[in-house]
Protein backbone atom coordinates (compact mmCIF):
# COMPACT_ATOMS: atom_id res chain seq x y z
CA UNK A 1 -192.89 -114.79 128.28
CA UNK A 2 -189.93 -116.48 130.01
CA UNK A 3 -187.21 -118.33 128.14
CA UNK A 4 -188.58 -121.69 129.38
CA UNK A 5 -192.10 -120.79 128.24
CA UNK A 6 -190.81 -119.91 124.80
CA UNK A 7 -188.94 -123.19 124.57
CA UNK A 8 -192.02 -125.12 125.70
CA UNK A 9 -194.21 -123.39 123.09
CA UNK A 10 -191.87 -124.49 120.32
CA UNK A 11 -191.52 -128.05 121.62
CA UNK A 12 -195.28 -128.41 121.99
CA UNK A 13 -195.65 -128.22 118.22
CA UNK A 14 -193.47 -131.27 117.71
CA UNK A 15 -194.49 -133.24 120.76
CA UNK A 16 -191.20 -132.79 122.59
CA UNK A 17 -190.59 -133.20 126.30
CA UNK A 18 -192.25 -130.25 128.02
CA UNK A 19 -191.52 -128.94 131.45
CA UNK A 20 -194.22 -127.11 133.38
CA UNK A 21 -193.41 -123.43 133.67
CA UNK A 22 -191.41 -122.74 136.78
CA UNK A 23 -190.29 -126.39 137.21
CA UNK A 24 -186.55 -127.03 137.36
CA UNK A 25 -184.77 -130.26 136.47
CA UNK A 26 -182.29 -131.68 138.90
CA UNK A 27 -178.87 -130.71 137.58
CA UNK A 28 -176.65 -133.49 136.29
CA UNK A 29 -173.42 -134.05 138.15
CA UNK A 30 -170.22 -135.39 136.68
CA UNK A 31 -167.01 -136.35 138.38
CA UNK A 32 -164.14 -134.06 137.50
CA UNK A 33 -160.67 -135.44 137.05
CA UNK A 34 -158.35 -134.62 139.96
CA UNK A 35 -156.38 -132.17 137.89
CA UNK A 36 -159.45 -130.19 136.87
CA UNK A 37 -159.91 -126.84 138.52
CA UNK A 38 -163.13 -125.00 139.05
CA UNK A 39 -163.25 -122.40 136.27
CA UNK A 40 -163.28 -118.79 137.32
CA UNK A 41 -166.47 -116.83 136.65
CA UNK A 42 -166.48 -115.40 133.12
CA UNK A 43 -165.86 -111.73 132.67
CA UNK A 44 -168.44 -109.31 131.37
CA UNK A 45 -169.69 -110.30 127.92
CA UNK A 46 -168.56 -108.19 125.02
CA UNK A 47 -171.12 -105.97 123.36
CA UNK A 48 -171.17 -108.28 120.31
CA UNK A 49 -172.10 -111.23 122.50
CA UNK A 50 -174.83 -109.23 124.21
CA UNK A 51 -176.22 -108.27 120.84
CA UNK A 52 -176.12 -111.88 119.65
CA UNK A 53 -177.97 -112.95 122.80
CA UNK A 54 -180.65 -110.35 122.12
CA UNK A 55 -181.04 -111.58 118.57
CA UNK A 56 -181.31 -115.16 119.83
CA UNK A 57 -184.05 -114.27 122.33
CA UNK A 58 -185.87 -112.33 119.62
CA UNK A 59 -185.63 -115.36 117.35
CA UNK A 60 -187.01 -117.62 120.07
CA UNK A 61 -189.95 -115.28 120.65
CA UNK A 62 -190.70 -115.15 116.93
CA UNK A 63 -190.47 -118.92 116.59
CA UNK A 64 -192.86 -119.36 119.50
CA UNK A 65 -195.35 -117.00 117.90
CA UNK A 66 -195.00 -118.82 114.58
CA UNK A 67 -195.52 -122.15 116.31
CA UNK A 68 -198.73 -120.92 117.93
CA UNK A 69 -200.01 -119.56 114.60
CA UNK A 70 -199.22 -122.83 112.86
CA UNK A 71 -200.82 -124.90 115.61
CA UNK A 72 -203.94 -122.69 115.45
CA UNK A 73 -204.22 -123.24 111.71
CA UNK A 74 -203.96 -127.00 112.16
CA UNK A 75 -206.55 -126.98 114.95
CA UNK A 76 -208.96 -125.11 112.67
CA UNK A 77 -208.69 -127.93 110.16
CA UNK A 78 -206.60 -126.14 107.58
CA UNK A 79 -204.24 -128.35 105.63
CA UNK A 80 -200.68 -127.52 104.70
CA UNK A 81 -199.77 -128.46 101.12
CA UNK A 82 -196.55 -128.30 99.11
CA UNK A 83 -196.97 -126.20 95.97
CA UNK A 84 -194.74 -125.55 93.00
CA UNK A 85 -193.52 -121.97 93.27
CA UNK A 86 -194.24 -121.48 89.57
CA UNK A 87 -197.95 -121.94 90.23
CA UNK A 88 -198.13 -118.99 92.64
CA UNK A 89 -198.61 -115.41 91.50
CA UNK A 90 -197.77 -112.32 93.53
CA UNK A 91 -200.46 -110.38 95.38
CA UNK A 92 -202.35 -107.84 93.31
CA UNK A 93 -200.84 -105.12 95.49
CA UNK A 94 -197.11 -104.98 96.20
CA UNK A 95 -195.94 -104.01 99.68
CA UNK A 96 -192.17 -104.38 99.26
CA UNK A 97 -189.67 -102.14 97.52
CA UNK A 98 -186.81 -104.56 98.13
CA UNK A 99 -186.03 -107.27 95.60
CA UNK A 100 -184.60 -110.40 97.22
CA UNK A 101 -181.17 -109.45 98.61
CA UNK A 102 -181.22 -105.96 97.08
CA UNK A 103 -182.14 -103.62 99.94
CA UNK A 104 -183.08 -106.66 102.11
CA UNK A 105 -179.94 -107.80 103.97
CA UNK A 106 -181.89 -110.52 105.80
CA UNK A 107 -183.05 -112.28 102.63
CA UNK A 108 -179.90 -114.37 102.15
CA UNK A 109 -180.06 -115.39 105.82
CA UNK A 110 -183.64 -116.56 105.22
CA UNK A 111 -182.50 -118.59 102.20
CA UNK A 112 -179.74 -120.26 104.20
CA UNK A 113 -182.10 -120.92 107.12
CA UNK A 114 -184.58 -122.64 104.80
CA UNK A 115 -181.74 -124.57 103.16
CA UNK A 116 -180.51 -125.86 106.51
CA UNK A 117 -183.76 -126.28 108.45
CA UNK A 118 -186.50 -126.30 105.87
CA UNK A 119 -189.48 -123.97 105.79
CA UNK A 120 -190.82 -123.66 109.32
CA UNK A 121 -193.91 -121.53 108.67
CA UNK A 122 -196.24 -121.92 105.67
CA UNK A 123 -197.28 -119.04 103.46
CA UNK A 124 -200.92 -118.14 102.87
CA UNK A 125 -202.37 -118.34 99.35
CA UNK A 126 -205.80 -118.25 97.79
CA UNK A 127 -207.03 -119.99 94.63
CA UNK A 128 -206.46 -117.70 91.67
CA UNK A 129 -209.44 -115.97 90.10
CA UNK A 130 -211.34 -117.62 87.28
CA UNK A 131 -209.47 -117.36 84.02
CA UNK A 132 -206.02 -117.50 85.62
CA UNK A 133 -205.77 -121.21 84.97
CA UNK A 134 -206.45 -124.36 86.96
CA UNK A 135 -204.09 -125.07 89.80
CA UNK A 136 -202.87 -121.49 90.12
CA UNK A 137 -202.76 -119.49 93.34
CA UNK A 138 -202.16 -115.96 94.56
CA UNK A 139 -200.05 -115.27 97.62
CA UNK A 140 -201.59 -113.27 100.48
CA UNK A 141 -198.50 -113.24 102.67
CA UNK A 142 -195.13 -114.94 102.77
CA UNK A 143 -193.65 -113.28 99.69
CA UNK A 144 -190.08 -113.51 101.04
CA UNK A 145 -190.45 -117.20 101.90
CA UNK A 146 -191.87 -117.79 98.43
CA UNK A 147 -188.88 -116.07 96.82
CA UNK A 148 -186.50 -118.00 99.04
CA UNK A 149 -188.11 -121.29 97.98
CA UNK A 150 -187.75 -120.24 94.34
CA UNK A 151 -184.10 -119.44 94.93
CA UNK A 152 -183.60 -122.92 96.41
CA UNK A 153 -185.63 -124.63 93.69
CA UNK A 154 -187.95 -126.38 96.16
CA UNK A 155 -191.68 -126.50 96.70
CA UNK A 156 -193.18 -124.07 99.18
CA UNK A 157 -195.41 -125.08 102.07
CA UNK A 158 -198.69 -123.20 101.98
CA UNK A 159 -202.13 -122.95 103.52
CA UNK A 160 -204.79 -122.56 100.83
CA UNK A 161 -207.72 -120.44 101.98
CA UNK A 162 -210.55 -118.85 99.97
CA UNK A 163 -210.15 -115.10 100.46
CA UNK A 164 -211.98 -112.07 99.15
CA UNK A 165 -209.87 -109.10 98.05
CA UNK A 166 -210.66 -107.36 101.36
CA UNK A 167 -209.63 -110.43 103.37
CA UNK A 168 -206.41 -110.77 101.39
CA UNK A 169 -205.48 -107.14 102.02
CA UNK A 170 -206.16 -107.47 105.76
CA UNK A 171 -204.16 -110.73 105.98
CA UNK A 172 -201.28 -109.17 104.06
CA UNK A 173 -201.23 -106.11 106.32
CA UNK A 174 -201.45 -108.19 109.49
CA UNK A 175 -198.54 -110.38 108.40
CA UNK A 176 -196.36 -107.35 107.74
CA UNK A 177 -197.22 -105.79 111.09
CA UNK A 178 -196.30 -108.97 112.99
CA UNK A 179 -193.13 -109.92 111.09
CA UNK A 180 -190.79 -107.64 109.14
CA UNK A 181 -192.20 -104.15 109.50
CA UNK A 182 -192.62 -102.13 106.35
CA UNK A 183 -190.71 -98.87 106.04
CA UNK A 184 -192.67 -95.63 105.93
CA UNK A 185 -192.54 -95.33 102.15
CA UNK A 186 -193.50 -98.99 101.67
CA UNK A 187 -196.60 -98.42 103.80
CA UNK A 188 -197.30 -95.20 101.90
CA UNK A 189 -197.07 -96.96 98.55
CA UNK A 190 -199.19 -99.87 99.81
CA UNK A 191 -201.90 -97.45 100.98
CA UNK A 192 -201.77 -95.40 97.78
CA UNK A 193 -202.10 -98.49 95.59
CA UNK A 194 -205.09 -99.79 97.54
CA UNK A 195 -206.91 -96.45 97.47
CA UNK A 196 -206.22 -96.16 93.74
CA UNK A 197 -207.79 -99.61 93.26
CA UNK A 198 -210.97 -98.42 94.95
CA UNK A 199 -210.59 -99.87 98.46
CA UNK A 200 -212.22 -97.88 101.23
CA UNK A 201 -209.86 -95.84 103.38
CA UNK A 202 -211.25 -97.50 106.50
CA UNK A 203 -210.13 -100.92 105.22
CA UNK A 204 -206.72 -99.55 104.20
CA UNK A 205 -206.28 -98.07 107.66
CA UNK A 206 -207.23 -101.38 109.26
CA UNK A 207 -204.76 -103.27 107.05
CA UNK A 208 -201.93 -100.96 108.08
CA UNK A 209 -203.17 -100.51 111.66
CA UNK A 210 -202.97 -96.70 111.41
CA UNK A 211 -205.29 -93.84 112.33
CA UNK A 212 -206.93 -91.55 109.75
CA UNK A 213 -204.38 -88.78 110.31
CA UNK A 214 -201.42 -91.11 109.69
CA UNK A 215 -203.11 -92.61 106.64
CA UNK A 216 -203.56 -89.10 105.23
CA UNK A 217 -199.84 -88.42 105.67
CA UNK A 218 -198.95 -91.71 103.97
CA UNK A 219 -201.11 -90.85 100.99
CA UNK A 220 -199.80 -87.29 100.88
CA UNK A 221 -196.21 -88.46 100.49
CA UNK A 222 -197.05 -91.16 97.93
CA UNK A 223 -198.83 -88.54 95.82
CA UNK A 224 -196.13 -85.86 96.17
CA UNK A 225 -193.05 -87.94 95.26
CA UNK A 226 -193.18 -89.32 91.69
CA UNK A 227 -193.35 -93.11 91.69
CA UNK A 228 -190.23 -93.60 89.59
CA UNK A 229 -188.15 -91.85 92.22
CA UNK A 230 -189.74 -93.88 95.04
CA UNK A 231 -188.80 -97.09 93.23
CA UNK A 232 -185.32 -95.74 92.52
CA UNK A 233 -184.75 -95.00 96.22
CA UNK A 234 -186.23 -98.24 97.55
CA UNK A 235 -187.45 -98.92 101.11
CA UNK A 236 -185.03 -96.53 102.89
CA UNK A 237 -185.85 -97.99 106.34
CA UNK A 238 -184.05 -95.21 108.24
CA UNK A 239 -185.87 -92.41 106.43
CA UNK A 240 -189.01 -91.91 108.49
CA UNK A 241 -192.16 -89.91 108.04
CA UNK A 242 -190.67 -86.43 108.57
CA UNK A 243 -187.88 -86.86 106.03
CA UNK A 244 -190.19 -88.33 103.38
CA UNK A 245 -192.67 -85.49 103.92
CA UNK A 246 -189.81 -83.01 103.50
CA UNK A 247 -188.82 -84.71 100.24
CA UNK A 248 -192.43 -84.57 99.07
CA UNK A 249 -192.53 -80.84 99.86
CA UNK A 250 -189.48 -80.26 97.68
CA UNK A 251 -191.33 -81.79 94.74
CA UNK A 252 -194.68 -80.12 95.51
CA UNK A 253 -193.32 -76.61 96.09
CA UNK A 254 -190.78 -76.63 93.26
CA UNK A 255 -190.98 -75.02 89.85
CA UNK A 256 -190.44 -78.18 87.84
CA UNK A 257 -186.65 -78.08 87.91
CA UNK A 258 -186.73 -80.72 90.68
CA UNK A 259 -187.85 -83.39 88.21
CA UNK A 260 -184.88 -82.70 85.95
CA UNK A 261 -182.45 -82.74 88.88
CA UNK A 262 -183.99 -85.94 90.28
CA UNK A 263 -183.79 -87.68 86.89
CA UNK A 264 -180.13 -86.73 86.59
CA UNK A 265 -179.33 -87.94 90.11
CA UNK A 266 -181.21 -91.25 90.06
CA UNK A 267 -179.73 -92.36 86.73
CA UNK A 268 -176.11 -91.94 87.83
CA UNK A 269 -173.89 -94.97 88.49
CA UNK A 270 -172.99 -93.59 91.91
CA UNK A 271 -176.67 -93.54 92.88
CA UNK A 272 -177.29 -97.10 91.65
CA UNK A 273 -174.33 -98.46 93.63
CA UNK A 274 -175.44 -96.88 96.93
CA UNK A 275 -177.60 -98.47 99.64
CA UNK A 276 -181.26 -97.48 99.87
CA UNK A 277 -180.90 -95.02 102.77
CA UNK A 278 -177.91 -93.45 101.04
CA UNK A 279 -179.91 -93.10 97.82
CA UNK A 280 -182.60 -91.20 99.73
CA UNK A 281 -180.05 -88.79 101.16
CA UNK A 282 -178.33 -88.31 97.80
CA UNK A 283 -181.59 -87.32 96.12
CA UNK A 284 -182.64 -85.11 99.04
CA UNK A 285 -179.32 -83.27 99.00
CA UNK A 286 -179.45 -82.86 95.23
CA UNK A 287 -182.88 -81.25 95.35
CA UNK A 288 -181.73 -78.82 98.06
CA UNK A 289 -178.73 -77.77 95.97
CA UNK A 290 -179.48 -74.70 93.80
CA UNK A 291 -179.35 -75.41 90.10
CA UNK A 292 -176.29 -74.08 88.31
CA UNK A 293 -177.12 -71.74 85.48
CA UNK A 294 -175.57 -72.76 82.20
CA UNK A 295 -173.22 -70.19 80.74
CA UNK A 296 -174.63 -68.61 77.57
CA UNK A 297 -172.94 -69.76 74.41
CA UNK A 298 -170.42 -67.37 72.87
CA UNK A 299 -171.50 -65.59 69.68
CA UNK A 300 -169.16 -66.22 66.78
CA UNK A 301 -168.29 -63.46 64.30
CA UNK A 302 -167.12 -64.90 61.00
CA UNK A 303 -165.31 -63.42 57.99
CA UNK A 304 -166.70 -63.21 54.50
CA UNK A 305 -165.09 -66.58 53.70
CA UNK A 306 -166.72 -68.23 56.73
CA UNK A 307 -163.58 -68.43 58.85
CA UNK A 308 -163.74 -67.38 62.50
CA UNK A 309 -162.90 -63.74 63.12
CA UNK A 310 -163.83 -63.29 66.80
CA UNK A 311 -166.02 -64.54 69.66
CA UNK A 312 -168.34 -62.35 71.70
CA UNK A 313 -169.00 -63.68 75.25
CA UNK A 314 -171.37 -62.23 77.84
CA UNK A 315 -171.05 -62.88 81.60
CA UNK A 316 -173.62 -60.79 83.42
CA UNK A 317 -172.99 -57.19 82.42
CA UNK A 318 -169.45 -57.91 81.27
CA UNK A 319 -168.75 -58.46 77.56
CA UNK A 320 -165.58 -60.02 76.17
CA UNK A 321 -164.44 -59.85 72.53
CA UNK A 322 -161.76 -62.42 71.62
CA UNK A 323 -160.12 -62.38 68.19
CA UNK A 324 -158.88 -65.47 66.38
CA UNK A 325 -155.13 -66.07 66.55
CA UNK A 326 -154.56 -65.36 62.86
CA UNK A 327 -156.21 -61.90 62.85
CA UNK A 328 -153.78 -59.15 61.79
CA UNK A 329 -152.67 -57.17 64.89
CA UNK A 330 -152.85 -53.94 62.85
CA UNK A 331 -156.58 -54.52 62.37
CA UNK A 332 -157.08 -54.99 66.11
CA UNK A 333 -155.16 -51.73 66.81
CA UNK A 334 -157.24 -49.84 64.23
CA UNK A 335 -160.47 -51.26 65.63
CA UNK A 336 -159.45 -50.23 69.15
CA UNK A 337 -158.99 -46.64 67.99
CA UNK A 338 -162.32 -46.69 66.19
CA UNK A 339 -164.03 -47.99 69.32
CA UNK A 340 -162.84 -44.99 71.34
CA UNK A 341 -164.01 -42.56 68.67
CA UNK A 342 -167.32 -44.31 68.03
CA UNK A 343 -168.10 -44.53 71.76
CA UNK A 344 -167.44 -40.81 72.21
CA UNK A 345 -169.84 -40.05 69.34
CA UNK A 346 -172.44 -42.41 70.85
CA UNK A 347 -172.31 -40.67 74.25
CA UNK A 348 -172.64 -37.22 72.66
CA UNK A 349 -175.67 -38.23 70.62
CA UNK A 350 -177.24 -39.91 73.67
CA UNK A 351 -176.80 -36.71 75.70
CA UNK A 352 -178.57 -34.67 73.02
CA UNK A 353 -181.50 -37.10 72.97
CA UNK A 354 -181.83 -37.07 76.77
């Protein structure tokens, strides 16, 4: 789609002036003051400007697609209503590990965009099931826009559509595929939750737009990595399938010590302060690191009155006997002599037995 086509698609929604594709307007001409000079051609754009241009074109494409989707909904007779955010419950299956701006750097930009320009695309909800209360709804897709509207304290624009559970799951998966892609572990958790709720694997695969083999790998990882560690890590968008499968193998092939190491790592302040991808790497590295064996506690030898006489410490085959500071040196000298004599007797008796 050309830039002009994208612009026309957006303007068509609001009845703006549309130019046929390929048609050029006559350029406007203005008289320049005598002192004005023709500007020299600009130099090559900096990489930051090129990146910004790419983001702008991507935004235009997305807005055009949103405009077409909105126009299609209106043409099909669906009505857009403004709902109180407090009347809308989350989907029965979560597909995000990020929580507002935590692990979702684009969330605050979405909030500011809706503050400045309003909500451009409605969310999709269905009437809540019987017993949930009159006037309540359940969101199928648009969770981030719903949270942004809550943050702003405004009503959210929504299309209300009767949906079965299967239709809600398919709509939710389609929305995620077309907008902000889920990370590998978010798709794995989404698939695992649906299968656990009794949905057929074929439907789960259709919702995620994946083949059977990929669905099997998603489920394998979600079953291998304990859920509490998945939630602790978060979406980890840069950690793809191979790295998550390697992490799952560390848990599956371990002897149980991995759980203890993972609990210790994920409850540290350093872990909590890190970004999601960094948290993944921190846990992965910790599980690869061999566990340090705790040194055995020293055995205390006490006197008749209960005071410390000496400590006996073992390190491998080595044994160390340390006397308390107040032990009489003459006793230590006498004991040293006895040790030599007693050891000589021990060796002689051992030789006779052998």
